[in-house]
PDB file of N, CA and C in Angstrom:
ATOM      1  N   MET A   1       0.843  -1.172   0.000  1.00  0.00           N
ATOM      2  CA  MET A   1       0.000   0.000   0.000  1.00  0.00           C
ATOM      3  C   MET A   1       0.889   1.236   0.000  1.00  0.00           C
ATOM      4  N   VAL A   2       0.588   2.144  -0.883  1.00  0.00           N
ATOM      5  CA  VAL A   2       1.346   3.388  -0.975  1.00  0.00           C
ATOM      6  C   VAL A   2       0.611   4.452  -0.166  1.00  0.00           C
ATOM      7  N   VAL A   3       1.312   5.075   0.738  1.00  0.00           N
ATOM      8  CA  VAL A   3       0.740   6.140   1.549  1.00  0.00           C
ATOM      9  C   VAL A   3       1.415   7.438   1.149  1.00  0.00           C
ATOM     10  N   GLY A   4       0.604   8.453   0.869  1.00  0.00           N
ATOM     11  CA  GLY A   4       1.152   9.735   0.487  1.00  0.00           C
ATOM     12  C   GLY A   4       0.533  10.835   1.322  1.00  0.00           C
ATOM     13  N   THR A   5       1.172  11.967   1.322  1.00  0.00           N
ATOM     14  CA  THR A   5       0.665  13.135   2.034  1.00  0.00           C
ATOM     15  C   THR A   5       0.340  14.205   1.008  1.00  0.00           C
ATOM     16  N   ARG A   6      -0.850  14.759   1.118  1.00  0.00           N
ATOM     17  CA  ARG A   6      -1.263  15.821   0.206  1.00  0.00           C
ATOM     18  C   ARG A   6      -1.965  16.899   1.005  1.00  0.00           C
ATOM     19  N   LYS A   7      -1.760  18.128   0.615  1.00  0.00           N
ATOM     20  CA  LYS A   7      -2.392  19.248   1.296  1.00  0.00           C
ATOM     21  C   LYS A   7      -3.707  19.574   0.602  1.00  0.00           C
ATOM     22  N   THR A   8      -4.735  19.855   1.403  1.00  0.00           N
ATOM     23  CA  THR A   8      -6.020  20.236   0.828  1.00  0.00           C
ATOM     24  C   THR A   8      -6.046  21.744   0.601  1.00  0.00           C
ATOM     25  N   ASP A   9      -6.997  22.159  -0.239  1.00  0.00           N
ATOM     26  CA  ASP A   9      -7.187  23.592  -0.413  1.00  0.00           C
ATOM     27  C   ASP A   9      -8.190  24.091   0.624  1.00  0.00           C
ATOM     28  N   ARG A  10      -8.651  25.325   0.493  1.00  0.00           N
ATOM     29  CA  ARG A  10      -9.561  25.904   1.488  1.00  0.00           C
ATOM     30  C   ARG A  10     -10.896  25.181   1.556  1.00  0.00           C
ATOM     31  N   ARG A  11     -11.259  24.436   0.500  1.00  0.00           N
ATOM     32  CA  ARG A  11     -12.529  23.717   0.480  1.00  0.00           C
ATOM     33  C   ARG A  11     -12.339  22.224   0.737  1.00  0.00           C
ATOM     34  N   ALA A  12     -11.180  21.831   1.248  1.00  0.00           N
ATOM     35  CA  ALA A  12     -10.851  20.447   1.607  1.00  0.00           C
ATOM     36  C   ALA A  12     -10.789  19.535   0.394  1.00  0.00           C
ATOM     37  N   ARG A  13     -10.456  20.075  -0.773  1.00  0.00           N
ATOM     38  CA  ARG A  13     -10.311  19.257  -1.980  1.00  0.00           C
ATOM     39  C   ARG A  13      -8.866  18.808  -2.124  1.00  0.00           C
ATOM     40  N   ILE A  14      -8.682  17.622  -2.696  1.00  0.00           N
ATOM     41  CA  ILE A  14      -7.341  17.124  -2.997  1.00  0.00           C
ATOM     42  C   ILE A  14      -7.322  16.600  -4.431  1.00  0.00           C
ATOM     43  N   VAL A  15      -6.143  16.440  -4.968  1.00  0.00           N
ATOM     44  CA  VAL A  15      -5.978  15.845  -6.285  1.00  0.00           C
ATOM     45  C   VAL A  15      -5.649  14.367  -6.091  1.00  0.00           C
ATOM     46  N   LEU A  16      -6.432  13.509  -6.739  1.00  0.00           N
ATOM     47  CA  LEU A  16      -6.255  12.063  -6.606  1.00  0.00           C
ATOM     48  C   LEU A  16      -5.323  11.534  -7.689  1.00  0.00           C
ATOM     49  N   PRO A  17      -4.762  10.334  -7.489  1.00  0.00           N
ATOM     50  CA  PRO A  17      -3.919   9.730  -8.514  1.00  0.00           C
ATOM     51  C   PRO A  17      -4.704   9.480  -9.806  1.00  0.00           C
ATOM     52  N   ASP A  18      -3.998   9.381 -10.914  1.00  0.00           N
ATOM     53  CA  ASP A  18      -4.627   9.228 -12.231  1.00  0.00           C
ATOM     54  C   ASP A  18      -5.535   8.012 -12.339  1.00  0.00           C
ATOM     55  N   ASP A  19      -5.210   6.918 -11.646  1.00  0.00           N
ATOM     56  CA  ASP A  19      -6.035   5.720 -11.779  1.00  0.00           C
ATOM     57  C   ASP A  19      -7.404   5.857 -11.117  1.00  0.00           C
ATOM     58  N   PHE A  20      -7.676   6.964 -10.433  1.00  0.00           N
ATOM     59  CA  PHE A  20      -8.991   7.246  -9.880  1.00  0.00           C
ATOM     60  C   PHE A  20      -9.832   8.115 -10.815  1.00  0.00           C
ATOM     61  N   ALA A  21      -9.273   8.516 -11.955  1.00  0.00           N
ATOM     62  CA  ALA A  21      -9.989   9.375 -12.885  1.00  0.00           C
ATOM     63  C   ALA A  21     -11.223   8.657 -13.420  1.00  0.00           C
ATOM     64  N   ASN A  22     -12.340   9.351 -13.501  1.00  0.00           N
ATOM     65  CA  ASN A  22     -13.610   8.850 -14.026  1.00  0.00           C
ATOM     66  C   ASN A  22     -14.134   7.633 -13.260  1.00  0.00           C
ATOM     67  N   GLU A  23     -13.819   7.514 -11.996  1.00  0.00           N
ATOM     68  CA  GLU A  23     -14.296   6.421 -11.157  1.00  0.00           C
ATOM     69  C   GLU A  23     -15.226   6.976 -10.084  1.00  0.00           C
ATOM     70  N   THR A  24     -16.165   6.157  -9.637  1.00  0.00           N
ATOM     71  CA  THR A  24     -16.964   6.497  -8.472  1.00  0.00           C
ATOM     72  C   THR A  24     -16.188   6.037  -7.246  1.00  0.00           C
ATOM     73  N   VAL A  25     -16.041   6.911  -6.276  1.00  0.00           N
ATOM     74  CA  VAL A  25     -15.255   6.566  -5.097  1.00  0.00           C
ATOM     75  C   VAL A  25     -16.143   6.573  -3.862  1.00  0.00           C
ATOM     76  N   ILE A  26     -15.749   5.776  -2.881  1.00  0.00           N
ATOM     77  CA  ILE A  26     -16.437   5.708  -1.598  1.00  0.00           C
ATOM     78  C   ILE A  26     -15.491   6.299  -0.557  1.00  0.00           C
ATOM     79  N   ILE A  27     -15.983   7.253   0.206  1.00  0.00           N
ATOM     80  CA  ILE A  27     -15.195   7.886   1.260  1.00  0.00           C
ATOM     81  C   ILE A  27     -15.784   7.451   2.596  1.00  0.00           C
ATOM     82  N   GLU A  28     -14.968   6.803   3.415  1.00  0.00           N
ATOM     83  CA  GLU A  28     -15.406   6.325   4.728  1.00  0.00           C
ATOM     84  C   GLU A  28     -14.614   7.032   5.814  1.00  0.00           C
ATOM     85  N   ARG A  29     -15.303   7.491   6.829  1.00  0.00           N
ATOM     86  CA  ARG A  29     -14.611   8.054   7.984  1.00  0.00           C
ATOM     87  C   ARG A  29     -14.273   6.903   8.918  1.00  0.00           C
ATOM     88  N   VAL A  30     -12.986   6.712   9.189  1.00  0.00           N
ATOM     89  CA  VAL A  30     -12.551   5.610  10.044  1.00  0.00           C
ATOM     90  C   VAL A  30     -12.009   6.095  11.380  1.00  0.00           C
ATOM     91  N   GLY A  31     -12.005   7.371  11.582  1.00  0.00           N
ATOM     92  CA  GLY A  31     -11.557   7.954  12.846  1.00  0.00           C
ATOM     93  C   GLY A  31     -11.886   9.429  12.853  1.00  0.00           C
ATOM     94  N   THR A  32     -11.567  10.086  13.952  1.00  0.00           N
ATOM     95  CA  THR A  32     -11.884  11.513  14.044  1.00  0.00           C
ATOM     96  C   THR A  32     -11.084  12.349  13.059  1.00  0.00           C
ATOM     97  N   ASN A  33      -9.904  11.873  12.680  1.00  0.00           N
ATOM     98  CA  ASN A  33      -9.099  12.632  11.722  1.00  0.00           C
ATOM     99  C   ASN A  33      -8.516  11.710  10.649  1.00  0.00           C
ATOM    100  N   GLU A  34      -9.296  10.690  10.246  1.00  0.00           N
ATOM    101  CA  GLU A  34      -8.829   9.768   9.208  1.00  0.00           C
ATOM    102  C   GLU A  34      -9.986   9.377   8.295  1.00  0.00           C
ATOM    103  N   LEU A  35      -9.747   9.449   6.980  1.00  0.00           N
ATOM    104  CA  LEU A  35     -10.706   9.020   5.971  1.00  0.00           C
ATOM    105  C   LEU A  35     -10.092   7.893   5.157  1.00  0.00           C
ATOM    106  N   ARG A  36     -10.925   6.986   4.679  1.00  0.00           N
ATOM    107  CA  ARG A  36     -10.466   5.918   3.778  1.00  0.00           C
ATOM    108  C   ARG A  36     -11.185   6.121   2.451  1.00  0.00           C
ATOM    109  N   LEU A  37     -10.431   6.115   1.377  1.00  0.00           N
ATOM    110  CA  LEU A  37     -10.953   6.355   0.037  1.00  0.00           C
ATOM    111  C   LEU A  37     -10.721   5.106  -0.795  1.00  0.00           C
ATOM    112  N   ARG A  38     -11.777   4.608  -1.464  1.00  0.00           N
ATOM    113  CA  ARG A  38     -11.608   3.443  -2.330  1.00  0.00           C
ATOM    114  C   ARG A  38     -12.548   3.557  -3.519  1.00  0.00           C
ATOM    115  N   LYS A  39     -12.194   2.844  -4.583  1.00  0.00           N
ATOM    116  CA  LYS A  39     -13.024   2.835  -5.774  1.00  0.00           C
ATOM    117  C   LYS A  39     -14.244   1.959  -5.524  1.00  0.00           C
ATOM    118  N   LYS A  40     -15.370   2.370  -6.047  1.00  0.00           N
ATOM    119  CA  LYS A  40     -16.575   1.554  -5.968  1.00  0.00           C
ATOM    120  C   LYS A  40     -16.496   0.513  -7.077  1.00  0.00           C
ATOM    121  N   ARG A  41     -16.658  -0.760  -6.714  1.00  0.00           N
ATOM    122  CA  ARG A  41     -16.566  -1.826  -7.698  1.00  0.00           C
ATOM    123  C   ARG A  41     -17.946  -2.134  -8.274  1.00  0.00           C
ATOM    124  N   THR A  42     -17.964  -2.539  -9.544  1.00  0.00           N
ATOM    125  CA  THR A  42     -19.210  -2.885 -10.213  1.00  0.00           C
ATOM    126  C   THR A  42     -19.555  -4.337  -9.914  1.00  0.00           C
ATOM    127  N   LEU A  43     -20.783  -4.732 -10.221  1.00  0.00           N
ATOM    128  CA  LEU A  43     -21.203  -6.113 -10.034  1.00  0.00           C
ATOM    129  C   LEU A  43     -20.344  -7.053 -10.875  1.00  0.00           C
ATOM    130  N   THR A  44     -19.994  -6.647 -12.073  1.00  0.00           N
ATOM    131  CA  THR A  44     -19.147  -7.469 -12.938  1.00  0.00           C
ATOM    132  C   THR A  44     -17.785  -7.712 -12.295  1.00  0.00           C
ATOM    133  N   GLN A  45     -17.209  -6.695 -11.686  1.00  0.00           N
ATOM    134  CA  GLN A  45     -15.917  -6.853 -11.010  1.00  0.00           C
ATOM    135  C   GLN A  45     -16.039  -7.765  -9.799  1.00  0.00           C
ATOM    136  N   LEU A  46     -17.133  -7.645  -9.054  1.00  0.00           N
ATOM    137  CA  LEU A  46     -17.329  -8.496  -7.888  1.00  0.00           C
ATOM    138  C   LEU A  46     -17.515  -9.959  -8.293  1.00  0.00           C
ATOM    139  N   VAL A  47     -18.311 -10.207  -9.333  1.00  0.00           N
ATOM    140  CA  VAL A  47     -18.546 -11.572  -9.793  1.00  0.00           C
ATOM    141  C   VAL A  47     -17.258 -12.173 -10.350  1.00  0.00           C
ATOM    142  N   ALA A  48     -16.423 -11.376 -10.977  1.00  0.00           N
ATOM    143  CA  ALA A  48     -15.154 -11.877 -11.514  1.00  0.00           C
ATOM    144  C   ALA A  48     -14.234 -12.380 -10.404  1.00  0.00           C
ATOM    145  N   GLY A  49     -14.437 -11.913  -9.180  1.00  0.00           N
ATOM    146  CA  GLY A  49     -13.613 -12.342  -8.059  1.00  0.00           C
ATOM    147  C   GLY A  49     -14.070 -13.636  -7.398  1.00  0.00           C
ATOM    148  N   ILE A  50     -15.167 -14.234  -7.896  1.00  0.00           N
ATOM    149  CA  ILE A  50     -15.653 -15.482  -7.307  1.00  0.00           C
ATOM    150  C   ILE A  50     -14.765 -16.634  -7.764  1.00  0.00           C
ATOM    151  N   THR A  51     -14.315 -17.428  -6.809  1.00  0.00           N
ATOM    152  CA  THR A  51     -13.500 -18.609  -7.103  1.00  0.00           C
ATOM    153  C   THR A  51     -14.117 -19.808  -6.397  1.00  0.00           C
ATOM    154  N   PRO A  52     -13.741 -21.017  -6.785  1.00  0.00           N
ATOM    155  CA  PRO A  52     -14.259 -22.190  -6.072  1.00  0.00           C
ATOM    156  C   PRO A  52     -13.912 -22.170  -4.577  1.00  0.00           C
ATOM    157  N   GLU A  53     -12.810 -21.531  -4.213  1.00  0.00           N
ATOM    158  CA  GLU A  53     -12.398 -21.482  -2.807  1.00  0.00           C
ATOM    159  C   GLU A  53     -13.290 -20.567  -1.971  1.00  0.00           C
ATOM    160  N   ASN A  54     -13.819 -19.487  -2.565  1.00  0.00           N
ATOM    161  CA  ASN A  54     -14.639 -18.569  -1.765  1.00  0.00           C
ATOM    162  C   ASN A  54     -16.132 -18.682  -2.084  1.00  0.00           C
ATOM    163  N   LEU A  55     -16.523 -19.706  -2.826  1.00  0.00           N
ATOM    164  CA  LEU A  55     -17.923 -19.939  -3.148  1.00  0.00           C
ATOM    165  C   LEU A  55     -18.503 -20.936  -2.148  1.00  0.00           C
ATOM    166  N   HIS A  56     -19.629 -20.598  -1.556  1.00  0.00           N
ATOM    167  CA  HIS A  56     -20.248 -21.499  -0.583  1.00  0.00           C
ATOM    168  C   HIS A  56     -21.528 -22.079  -1.166  1.00  0.00           C
ATOM    169  N   GLY A  57     -22.001 -23.139  -0.567  1.00  0.00           N
ATOM    170  CA  GLY A  57     -23.239 -23.771  -1.004  1.00  0.00           C
ATOM    171  C   GLY A  57     -24.458 -23.065  -0.430  1.00  0.00           C
ATOM    172  N   GLU A  58     -25.602 -23.724  -0.562  1.00  0.00           N
ATOM    173  CA  GLU A  58     -26.837 -23.152  -0.033  1.00  0.00           C
ATOM    174  C   GLU A  58     -26.848 -23.199   1.487  1.00  0.00           C
ATOM    175  N   TRP A  59     -27.573 -22.291   2.094  1.00  0.00           N
ATOM    176  CA  TRP A  59     -27.739 -22.252   3.549  1.00  0.00           C
ATOM    177  C   TRP A  59     -29.148 -22.704   3.882  1.00  0.00           C
ATOM    178  N   ASP A  60     -29.283 -23.509   4.908  1.00  0.00           N
ATOM    179  CA  ASP A  60     -30.596 -23.910   5.376  1.00  0.00           C
ATOM    180  C   ASP A  60     -31.098 -22.836   6.332  1.00  0.00           C
ATOM    181  N   THR A  61     -32.163 -22.160   5.934  1.00  0.00           N
ATOM    182  CA  THR A  61     -32.710 -21.092   6.769  1.00  0.00           C
ATOM    183  C   THR A  61     -33.977 -21.506   7.485  1.00  0.00           C
ATOM    184  N   GLY A  62     -34.288 -22.807   7.447  1.00  0.00           N
ATOM    185  CA  GLY A  62     -35.476 -23.281   8.130  1.00  0.00           C
ATOM    186  C   GLY A  62     -36.672 -23.327   7.205  1.00  0.00           C
ATOM    187  N   PRO A  63     -37.841 -23.648   7.736  1.00  0.00           N
ATOM    188  CA  PRO A  63     -39.033 -23.756   6.899  1.00  0.00           C
ATOM    189  C   PRO A  63     -39.498 -22.387   6.413  1.00  0.00           C
ATOM    190  N   ALA A  64     -40.160 -22.401   5.263  1.00  0.00           N
ATOM    191  CA  ALA A  64     -40.694 -21.158   4.695  1.00  0.00           C
ATOM    192  C   ALA A  64     -41.828 -20.640   5.570  1.00  0.00           C
ATOM    193  N   VAL A  65     -41.868 -19.341   5.750  1.00  0.00           N
ATOM    194  CA  VAL A  65     -42.938 -18.702   6.519  1.00  0.00           C
ATOM    195  C   VAL A  65     -43.491 -17.533   5.708  1.00  0.00           C
ATOM    196  N   GLY A  66     -44.696 -17.177   5.936  1.00  0.00           N
ATOM    197  CA  GLY A  66     -45.249 -16.031   5.244  1.00  0.00           C
ATOM    198  C   GLY A  66     -45.674 -16.364   3.824  1.00  0.00           C
ATOM    199  N   ASN A  67     -45.608 -15.370   2.932  1.00  0.00           N
ATOM    200  CA  ASN A  67     -46.123 -15.512   1.576  1.00  0.00           C
ATOM    201  C   ASN A  67     -45.122 -16.110   0.584  1.00  0.00           C
ATOM    202  N   GLU A  68     -43.886 -16.397   1.002  1.00  0.00           N
ATOM    203  CA  GLU A  68     -42.955 -16.963   0.030  1.00  0.00           C
ATOM    204  C   GLU A  68     -43.245 -18.424  -0.253  1.00  0.00           C
ATOM    205  N   ALA A  69     -43.991 -19.099   0.604  1.00  0.00           N
ATOM    206  CA  ALA A  69     -44.367 -20.501   0.376  1.00  0.00           C
ATOM    207  C   ALA A  69     -45.713 -20.518  -0.331  1.00  0.00           C
ATOM    208  N   LEU A  70     -45.702 -20.955  -1.587  1.00  0.00           N
ATOM    209  CA  LEU A  70     -46.962 -20.958  -2.354  1.00  0.00           C
ATOM    210  C   LEU A  70     -47.495 -22.347  -2.483  1.00  0.00           C
TER     211      LEU A  70
END
């Protein structure tokens, strides 16, 4: 992980690295004076990360209740 220091302007804006250009980003506050910035991944990117090792089978949630049982 590359950590850099950048100064904000009067409106708290910063310039991001080029690989963030034209991307939707998620900003999370992780502390009183710390933010985490990451790219928002698409469904296609998430599905591409599925492997046999991280794929699980069906879960037994018990008998159907309510209107889902026809």
